[in-house]
Amino acid sequence: MDDIFAFQNAYKAMYSAMIEKDRSGLEDILDDSFVLVHMTGMRQNKGEFIDAVLDGTLNYYSAVHENTPVHITGDTAIVTGQSYVQAAVFGGSKHSWHLQQKCSLKKSGGRWKITRSVASTY
């Protein structure tokens, strides 16, 4: 049960760091192998994603987490986070939408880290 809380907390911590443009927070919660797959199919590795958050390419203003179910398989887990998000991305204007991020996690150095996130709407 503690691991389920850790998985959900990792998802929420990622969003907090995105909203706060917190490089160290993102560095901490995202595994070095991290890849984000955007709704368009575009992929960003950890460094590209963090840089895009910090330089304003991806601006996140708020996130209300509506659902964070967890599926555990051995030493990996998937959190399918569903959040109502306000953001402005890739030069677009600020919008609100229901954003789902299917986040894969693995234990690294005794801590759960996000290795992959696939974005979609719900």
N, C-alpha and C. Protein backbone atom coordinates (compact mmCIF):
# COMPACT_ATOMS: atom_id res chain seq x y z
N MET A 1 0.82 -1.20 0.00
CA MET A 1 0.00 0.00 0.00
C MET A 1 0.86 1.26 0.00
N ASP A 2 1.99 1.22 0.70
CA ASP A 2 2.89 2.38 0.72
C ASP A 2 3.40 2.69 -0.68
N ASP A 3 3.68 1.64 -1.47
CA ASP A 3 4.16 1.86 -2.83
C ASP A 3 3.11 2.56 -3.68
N ILE A 4 1.85 2.21 -3.52
CA ILE A 4 0.80 2.87 -4.29
C ILE A 4 0.81 4.36 -4.01
N PHE A 5 0.93 4.74 -2.74
CA PHE A 5 1.02 6.15 -2.39
C PHE A 5 2.26 6.78 -3.02
N ALA A 6 3.38 6.07 -3.03
CA ALA A 6 4.62 6.59 -3.62
C ALA A 6 4.45 6.82 -5.12
N PHE A 7 3.75 5.92 -5.82
CA PHE A 7 3.52 6.07 -7.25
C PHE A 7 2.67 7.31 -7.53
N GLN A 8 1.57 7.43 -6.79
CA GLN A 8 0.68 8.57 -6.97
C GLN A 8 1.40 9.87 -6.61
N ASN A 9 2.22 9.83 -5.57
CA ASN A 9 2.96 11.01 -5.14
C ASN A 9 3.98 11.43 -6.21
N ALA A 10 4.60 10.46 -6.88
CA ALA A 10 5.56 10.77 -7.94
C ALA A 10 4.86 11.52 -9.07
N TYR A 11 3.68 11.07 -9.45
CA TYR A 11 2.90 11.73 -10.50
C TYR A 11 2.59 13.18 -10.10
N LYS A 12 2.12 13.35 -8.87
CA LYS A 12 1.77 14.69 -8.39
C LYS A 12 3.00 15.57 -8.25
N ALA A 13 4.11 14.99 -7.82
CA ALA A 13 5.36 15.76 -7.69
C ALA A 13 5.85 16.23 -9.05
N MET A 14 5.68 15.41 -10.08
CA MET A 14 6.06 15.81 -11.43
C MET A 14 5.27 17.05 -11.84
N TYR A 15 3.97 17.04 -11.61
CA TYR A 15 3.14 18.19 -11.96
C TYR A 15 3.52 19.43 -11.16
N SER A 16 3.76 19.27 -9.87
CA SER A 16 4.16 20.41 -9.05
C SER A 16 5.43 21.03 -9.60
N ALA A 17 6.40 20.21 -9.95
CA ALA A 17 7.66 20.71 -10.49
C ALA A 17 7.46 21.37 -11.85
N MET A 18 6.55 20.85 -12.66
CA MET A 18 6.25 21.46 -13.96
C MET A 18 5.64 22.84 -13.76
N ILE A 19 4.70 22.96 -12.84
CA ILE A 19 4.02 24.23 -12.58
C ILE A 19 5.01 25.25 -12.01
N GLU A 20 5.86 24.80 -11.12
CA GLU A 20 6.82 25.70 -10.46
C GLU A 20 8.09 25.93 -11.27
N LYS A 21 8.20 25.27 -12.42
CA LYS A 21 9.42 25.32 -13.25
C LYS A 21 10.65 25.01 -12.39
N ASP A 22 10.54 23.91 -11.69
CA ASP A 22 11.54 23.47 -10.71
C ASP A 22 12.45 22.41 -11.34
N ARG A 23 13.59 22.85 -11.84
CA ARG A 23 14.53 21.93 -12.49
C ARG A 23 14.94 20.79 -11.56
N SER A 24 15.33 21.11 -10.34
CA SER A 24 15.81 20.06 -9.44
C SER A 24 14.70 19.07 -9.10
N GLY A 25 13.48 19.56 -8.98
CA GLY A 25 12.35 18.66 -8.72
C GLY A 25 12.12 17.70 -9.87
N LEU A 26 12.19 18.22 -11.10
CA LEU A 26 12.03 17.35 -12.28
C LEU A 26 13.20 16.40 -12.41
N GLU A 27 14.41 16.90 -12.20
CA GLU A 27 15.60 16.03 -12.26
C GLU A 27 15.47 14.88 -11.27
N ASP A 28 14.90 15.18 -10.10
CA ASP A 28 14.79 14.19 -9.03
C ASP A 28 13.75 13.12 -9.32
N ILE A 29 12.60 13.50 -9.85
CA ILE A 29 11.49 12.54 -10.01
C ILE A 29 11.54 11.78 -11.34
N LEU A 30 12.22 12.35 -12.34
CA LEU A 30 12.30 11.69 -13.65
C LEU A 30 13.59 10.88 -13.74
N ASP A 31 13.47 9.65 -14.15
CA ASP A 31 14.63 8.79 -14.37
C ASP A 31 15.44 9.32 -15.55
N ASP A 32 16.72 9.02 -15.57
CA ASP A 32 17.56 9.46 -16.69
C ASP A 32 17.09 8.91 -18.03
N SER A 33 16.37 7.79 -18.00
CA SER A 33 15.85 7.20 -19.24
C SER A 33 14.50 7.78 -19.67
N PHE A 34 14.00 8.76 -18.93
CA PHE A 34 12.66 9.31 -19.16
C PHE A 34 12.44 9.77 -20.60
N VAL A 35 11.24 9.44 -21.10
CA VAL A 35 10.77 9.91 -22.41
C VAL A 35 9.31 10.32 -22.24
N LEU A 36 8.98 11.52 -22.76
CA LEU A 36 7.60 11.97 -22.81
C LEU A 36 7.13 11.83 -24.25
N VAL A 37 5.99 11.17 -24.43
CA VAL A 37 5.36 11.06 -25.74
C VAL A 37 4.14 11.98 -25.71
N HIS A 38 4.22 13.07 -26.47
CA HIS A 38 3.13 14.04 -26.54
C HIS A 38 1.95 13.47 -27.32
N MET A 39 0.82 14.13 -27.22
CA MET A 39 -0.39 13.71 -27.95
C MET A 39 -0.15 13.66 -29.45
N THR A 40 0.75 14.49 -29.93
CA THR A 40 1.06 14.54 -31.36
C THR A 40 1.97 13.39 -31.80
N GLY A 41 2.51 12.65 -30.83
CA GLY A 41 3.47 11.60 -31.13
C GLY A 41 4.92 12.07 -30.98
N MET A 42 5.12 13.38 -30.84
CA MET A 42 6.47 13.90 -30.62
C MET A 42 7.03 13.35 -29.31
N ARG A 43 8.32 13.04 -29.35
CA ARG A 43 8.99 12.48 -28.16
C ARG A 43 10.04 13.46 -27.67
N GLN A 44 10.12 13.58 -26.35
CA GLN A 44 11.17 14.37 -25.72
C GLN A 44 11.84 13.52 -24.65
N ASN A 45 13.18 13.55 -24.64
CA ASN A 45 13.88 12.87 -23.56
C ASN A 45 13.86 13.77 -22.33
N LYS A 46 14.44 13.31 -21.26
CA LYS A 46 14.41 14.04 -19.99
C LYS A 46 14.94 15.47 -20.14
N GLY A 47 16.11 15.62 -20.72
CA GLY A 47 16.72 16.95 -20.85
C GLY A 47 15.89 17.88 -21.71
N GLU A 48 15.39 17.37 -22.83
CA GLU A 48 14.57 18.19 -23.74
C GLU A 48 13.28 18.63 -23.05
N PHE A 49 12.67 17.71 -22.33
CA PHE A 49 11.43 18.03 -21.63
C PHE A 49 11.66 19.09 -20.56
N ILE A 50 12.66 18.89 -19.73
CA ILE A 50 12.95 19.86 -18.67
C ILE A 50 13.27 21.23 -19.27
N ASP A 51 14.09 21.26 -20.31
CA ASP A 51 14.42 22.53 -20.96
C ASP A 51 13.16 23.22 -21.49
N ALA A 52 12.23 22.45 -22.07
CA ALA A 52 11.00 23.02 -22.62
C ALA A 52 10.11 23.60 -21.52
N VAL A 53 10.10 22.95 -20.37
CA VAL A 53 9.33 23.48 -19.23
C VAL A 53 9.97 24.78 -18.75
N LEU A 54 11.27 24.78 -18.60
CA LEU A 54 11.97 25.94 -18.05
C LEU A 54 12.00 27.13 -19.00
N ASP A 55 12.07 26.88 -20.31
CA ASP A 55 12.17 28.01 -21.25
C ASP A 55 10.80 28.53 -21.70
N GLY A 56 9.71 27.94 -21.19
CA GLY A 56 8.38 28.42 -21.51
C GLY A 56 7.75 27.81 -22.75
N THR A 57 8.43 26.86 -23.38
CA THR A 57 7.81 26.15 -24.49
C THR A 57 6.59 25.38 -23.97
N LEU A 58 6.73 24.84 -22.77
CA LEU A 58 5.63 24.14 -22.09
C LEU A 58 5.37 24.88 -20.79
N ASN A 59 4.24 25.58 -20.71
CA ASN A 59 3.87 26.34 -19.51
C ASN A 59 2.67 25.67 -18.85
N TYR A 60 2.87 25.21 -17.63
CA TYR A 60 1.79 24.60 -16.86
C TYR A 60 1.44 25.55 -15.72
N TYR A 61 0.15 25.85 -15.57
CA TYR A 61 -0.30 26.82 -14.57
C TYR A 61 -0.99 26.16 -13.38
N SER A 62 -1.73 25.10 -13.63
CA SER A 62 -2.41 24.41 -12.53
C SER A 62 -2.79 23.00 -12.97
N ALA A 63 -3.02 22.17 -11.98
CA ALA A 63 -3.47 20.80 -12.24
C ALA A 63 -4.30 20.32 -11.06
N VAL A 64 -5.51 19.89 -11.35
CA VAL A 64 -6.37 19.28 -10.34
C VAL A 64 -6.41 17.79 -10.67
N HIS A 65 -5.86 16.99 -9.78
CA HIS A 65 -5.74 15.55 -10.04
C HIS A 65 -7.06 14.88 -9.70
N GLU A 66 -7.67 14.30 -10.72
CA GLU A 66 -9.00 13.71 -10.57
C GLU A 66 -8.96 12.20 -10.32
N ASN A 67 -7.94 11.54 -10.86
CA ASN A 67 -7.88 10.09 -10.76
C ASN A 67 -6.44 9.65 -10.97
N THR A 68 -5.95 8.74 -10.13
CA THR A 68 -4.57 8.26 -10.27
C THR A 68 -4.50 6.76 -9.99
N PRO A 69 -5.20 5.94 -10.78
CA PRO A 69 -5.13 4.50 -10.54
C PRO A 69 -3.73 3.96 -10.84
N VAL A 70 -3.38 2.90 -10.11
CA VAL A 70 -2.05 2.30 -10.20
C VAL A 70 -2.18 0.84 -10.59
N HIS A 71 -1.31 0.40 -11.50
CA HIS A 71 -1.20 -1.01 -11.88
C HIS A 71 0.24 -1.44 -11.64
N ILE A 72 0.42 -2.45 -10.79
CA ILE A 72 1.76 -2.92 -10.43
C ILE A 72 2.04 -4.26 -11.08
N THR A 73 3.22 -4.37 -11.69
CA THR A 73 3.68 -5.63 -12.28
C THR A 73 5.13 -5.83 -11.85
N GLY A 74 5.35 -6.68 -10.87
CA GLY A 74 6.71 -6.94 -10.42
C GLY A 74 7.37 -5.70 -9.87
N ASP A 75 8.51 -5.31 -10.45
CA ASP A 75 9.23 -4.14 -9.95
C ASP A 75 8.98 -2.89 -10.78
N THR A 76 7.88 -2.89 -11.53
CA THR A 76 7.48 -1.71 -12.28
C THR A 76 6.02 -1.38 -11.96
N ALA A 77 5.64 -0.16 -12.26
CA ALA A 77 4.26 0.27 -12.01
C ALA A 77 3.85 1.26 -13.09
N ILE A 78 2.55 1.36 -13.28
CA ILE A 78 1.99 2.36 -14.19
C ILE A 78 0.93 3.14 -13.41
N VAL A 79 1.07 4.46 -13.43
CA VAL A 79 0.06 5.36 -12.89
C VAL A 79 -0.59 6.03 -14.09
N THR A 80 -1.90 5.86 -14.22
CA THR A 80 -2.63 6.53 -15.29
C THR A 80 -3.30 7.74 -14.65
N GLY A 81 -2.54 8.84 -14.63
CA GLY A 81 -3.01 10.05 -13.98
C GLY A 81 -3.94 10.84 -14.88
N GLN A 82 -5.06 11.22 -14.33
CA GLN A 82 -6.02 12.04 -15.05
C GLN A 82 -6.20 13.34 -14.27
N SER A 83 -5.86 14.44 -14.93
CA SER A 83 -5.87 15.74 -14.25
C SER A 83 -6.50 16.81 -15.14
N TYR A 84 -7.18 17.75 -14.50
CA TYR A 84 -7.71 18.91 -15.20
C TYR A 84 -6.61 19.96 -15.15
N VAL A 85 -6.04 20.28 -16.32
CA VAL A 85 -4.81 21.06 -16.41
C VAL A 85 -5.05 22.37 -17.15
N GLN A 86 -4.41 23.43 -16.65
CA GLN A 86 -4.33 24.70 -17.38
C GLN A 86 -2.90 24.82 -17.88
N ALA A 87 -2.75 25.02 -19.19
CA ALA A 87 -1.41 25.11 -19.77
C ALA A 87 -1.45 25.88 -21.07
N ALA A 88 -0.28 26.37 -21.45
CA ALA A 88 -0.05 26.97 -22.77
C ALA A 88 1.21 26.31 -23.30
N VAL A 89 1.08 25.64 -24.43
CA VAL A 89 2.22 24.86 -24.94
C VAL A 89 2.53 25.22 -26.39
N PHE A 90 3.80 25.16 -26.71
CA PHE A 90 4.29 25.38 -28.08
C PHE A 90 3.75 26.67 -28.70
N GLY A 91 3.74 27.74 -27.91
CA GLY A 91 3.33 29.04 -28.42
C GLY A 91 1.84 29.29 -28.47
N GLY A 92 1.05 28.32 -28.06
CA GLY A 92 -0.40 28.50 -28.05
C GLY A 92 -0.85 29.30 -26.84
N SER A 93 -2.12 29.64 -26.82
CA SER A 93 -2.67 30.39 -25.69
C SER A 93 -3.03 29.43 -24.55
N LYS A 94 -3.29 30.02 -23.41
CA LYS A 94 -3.62 29.26 -22.20
C LYS A 94 -4.99 28.60 -22.38
N HIS A 95 -5.03 27.29 -22.15
CA HIS A 95 -6.27 26.52 -22.24
C HIS A 95 -6.37 25.57 -21.06
N SER A 96 -7.55 25.08 -20.84
CA SER A 96 -7.80 24.06 -19.82
C SER A 96 -8.32 22.81 -20.50
N TRP A 97 -7.84 21.66 -20.08
CA TRP A 97 -8.35 20.41 -20.63
C TRP A 97 -8.06 19.26 -19.68
N HIS A 98 -8.73 18.15 -19.94
CA HIS A 98 -8.51 16.92 -19.17
C HIS A 98 -7.34 16.18 -19.81
N LEU A 99 -6.22 16.19 -19.13
CA LEU A 99 -5.01 15.58 -19.64
C LEU A 99 -4.72 14.29 -18.89
N GLN A 100 -4.50 13.23 -19.63
CA GLN A 100 -4.12 11.95 -19.05
C GLN A 100 -2.65 11.69 -19.35
N GLN A 101 -1.92 11.28 -18.34
CA GLN A 101 -0.53 10.89 -18.55
C GLN A 101 -0.37 9.48 -17.97
N LYS A 102 -0.06 8.57 -18.87
CA LYS A 102 0.19 7.19 -18.45
C LYS A 102 1.68 7.09 -18.15
N CYS A 103 2.00 7.09 -16.87
CA CYS A 103 3.40 7.15 -16.42
C CYS A 103 3.89 5.78 -15.97
N SER A 104 5.00 5.37 -16.54
CA SER A 104 5.67 4.13 -16.11
C SER A 104 6.72 4.51 -15.08
N LEU A 105 6.84 3.69 -14.05
CA LEU A 105 7.81 3.94 -12.99
C LEU A 105 8.65 2.70 -12.73
N LYS A 106 9.88 2.92 -12.28
CA LYS A 106 10.73 1.83 -11.84
C LYS A 106 11.49 2.29 -10.61
N LYS A 107 11.93 1.32 -9.82
CA LYS A 107 12.70 1.65 -8.64
C LYS A 107 14.14 1.87 -9.04
N SER A 108 14.70 3.01 -8.63
CA SER A 108 16.07 3.37 -8.96
C SER A 108 16.70 3.97 -7.70
N GLY A 109 17.76 3.33 -7.22
CA GLY A 109 18.41 3.82 -6.01
C GLY A 109 17.48 3.81 -4.81
N GLY A 110 16.58 2.84 -4.76
CA GLY A 110 15.65 2.73 -3.65
C GLY A 110 14.44 3.64 -3.74
N ARG A 111 14.33 4.41 -4.84
CA ARG A 111 13.20 5.33 -5.01
C ARG A 111 12.50 5.06 -6.33
N TRP A 112 11.21 5.32 -6.36
CA TRP A 112 10.44 5.17 -7.58
C TRP A 112 10.62 6.41 -8.44
N LYS A 113 10.96 6.21 -9.72
CA LYS A 113 11.15 7.31 -10.65
C LYS A 113 10.34 7.05 -11.92
N ILE A 114 9.92 8.13 -12.54
CA ILE A 114 9.11 8.03 -13.77
C ILE A 114 10.07 7.85 -14.95
N THR A 115 9.82 6.79 -15.73
CA THR A 115 10.67 6.48 -16.88
C THR A 115 10.03 6.88 -18.20
N ARG A 116 8.73 6.97 -18.22
CA ARG A 116 8.02 7.25 -19.49
C ARG A 116 6.66 7.84 -19.16
N SER A 117 6.21 8.76 -19.98
CA SER A 117 4.87 9.30 -19.85
C SER A 117 4.27 9.46 -21.24
N VAL A 118 3.08 8.95 -21.41
CA VAL A 118 2.37 9.06 -22.69
C VAL A 118 1.13 9.91 -22.44
N ALA A 119 1.09 11.07 -23.10
CA ALA A 119 0.02 12.04 -22.89
C ALA A 119 -1.14 11.81 -23.85
N SER A 120 -2.35 12.01 -23.35
CA SER A 120 -3.56 11.96 -24.16
C SER A 120 -4.63 12.76 -23.41
N THR A 121 -5.80 12.88 -24.00
CA THR A 121 -6.92 13.48 -23.30
C THR A 121 -7.85 12.36 -22.84
N TYR A 122 -8.75 12.69 -21.95
CA TYR A 122 -9.76 11.73 -21.51
C TYR A 122 -11.09 12.41 -21.37
